[in-house]
Amino acid sequence: MPKMKTHSRAKKTFRVTGTGQIRRYKAFKSHLLTKKAKSRKRHLRIHGLVHSSNLPMVKRMMCMR
């Protein structure tokens, strides 16, 4: 059986915390930033955690079993 390959975008996007949770970045922070409020952009800088319903899919992409 061949080796499992890690999803290339997943390894650049997600990080595993010290407690084993998976950290993610917030969406809507890449472009069209002039029309967004400063407070909105500031809140988008804060990292979030992957929701429990998406956790199996993200772990499979990162080859974490």
Protein backbone atom coordinates (compact mmCIF):
# COMPACT_ATOMS: atom_id res chain seq x y z
CA MET A 1 0.00 0.00 0.00
CA PRO A 2 1.49 3.41 -0.92
CA LYS A 3 2.19 6.17 1.55
CA MET A 4 -0.57 8.66 2.36
CA LYS A 5 0.25 12.08 0.93
CA THR A 6 -0.54 15.22 2.89
CA HIS A 7 -2.85 17.71 1.19
CA SER A 8 -0.49 20.53 0.14
CA ARG A 9 -2.87 23.41 0.98
CA ALA A 10 -3.83 21.88 4.33
CA LYS A 11 -0.27 21.74 5.61
CA LYS A 12 0.14 25.47 4.82
CA THR A 13 -3.23 26.50 6.25
CA PHE A 14 -3.72 24.54 9.47
CA ARG A 15 -1.48 24.19 12.53
CA VAL A 16 -1.76 21.81 15.45
CA THR A 17 -1.79 23.44 18.89
CA GLY A 18 -0.01 22.05 21.92
CA THR A 19 -3.24 20.51 23.21
CA GLY A 20 -3.89 18.73 19.90
CA GLN A 21 -6.55 21.06 18.52
CA ILE A 22 -6.25 22.35 14.95
CA ARG A 23 -5.91 26.09 14.45
CA ARG A 24 -7.25 27.85 11.37
CA TYR A 25 -7.26 31.34 9.91
CA LYS A 26 -10.43 33.37 9.47
CA ALA A 27 -11.90 33.87 6.00
CA PHE A 28 -12.59 37.20 4.19
CA LYS A 29 -9.20 38.79 4.96
CA SER A 30 -7.49 38.43 1.57
CA HIS A 31 -8.76 41.29 -0.64
CA LEU A 32 -11.28 44.17 -0.88
CA LEU A 33 -10.12 45.39 2.52
CA THR A 34 -10.72 49.13 2.00
CA LYS A 35 -14.48 48.82 2.44
CA LYS A 36 -14.24 46.72 5.60
CA ALA A 37 -14.19 48.37 9.01
CA LYS A 38 -11.00 48.43 11.08
CA SER A 39 -12.65 46.51 13.90
CA ARG A 40 -13.83 43.82 11.46
CA LYS A 41 -10.33 43.40 10.02
CA ARG A 42 -8.86 43.32 13.52
CA HIS A 43 -11.22 40.51 14.55
CA LEU A 44 -10.34 38.57 11.40
CA ARG A 45 -6.67 38.52 12.47
CA ILE A 46 -7.50 36.33 15.48
CA HIS A 47 -7.07 32.60 14.88
CA GLY A 48 -10.00 30.25 15.25
CA LEU A 49 -10.23 26.54 15.84
CA VAL A 50 -11.58 23.99 13.40
CA HIS A 51 -15.17 23.05 14.26
CA SER A 52 -15.74 19.52 15.53
CA SER A 53 -17.91 18.66 12.51
CA ASN A 54 -15.02 19.48 10.13
CA LEU A 55 -12.30 17.92 12.26
CA PRO A 56 -12.28 14.42 10.67
CA MET A 57 -11.94 15.87 7.16
CA VAL A 58 -9.07 18.20 8.17
CA LYS A 59 -7.27 15.41 10.02
CA ARG A 60 -7.60 13.17 6.95
CA MET A 61 -6.12 15.93 4.75
CA MET A 62 -3.20 16.33 7.16
CA CYS A 63 -2.74 12.53 7.46
CA MET A 64 -3.39 12.60 11.21
CA ARG A 65 -5.22 9.52 12.41
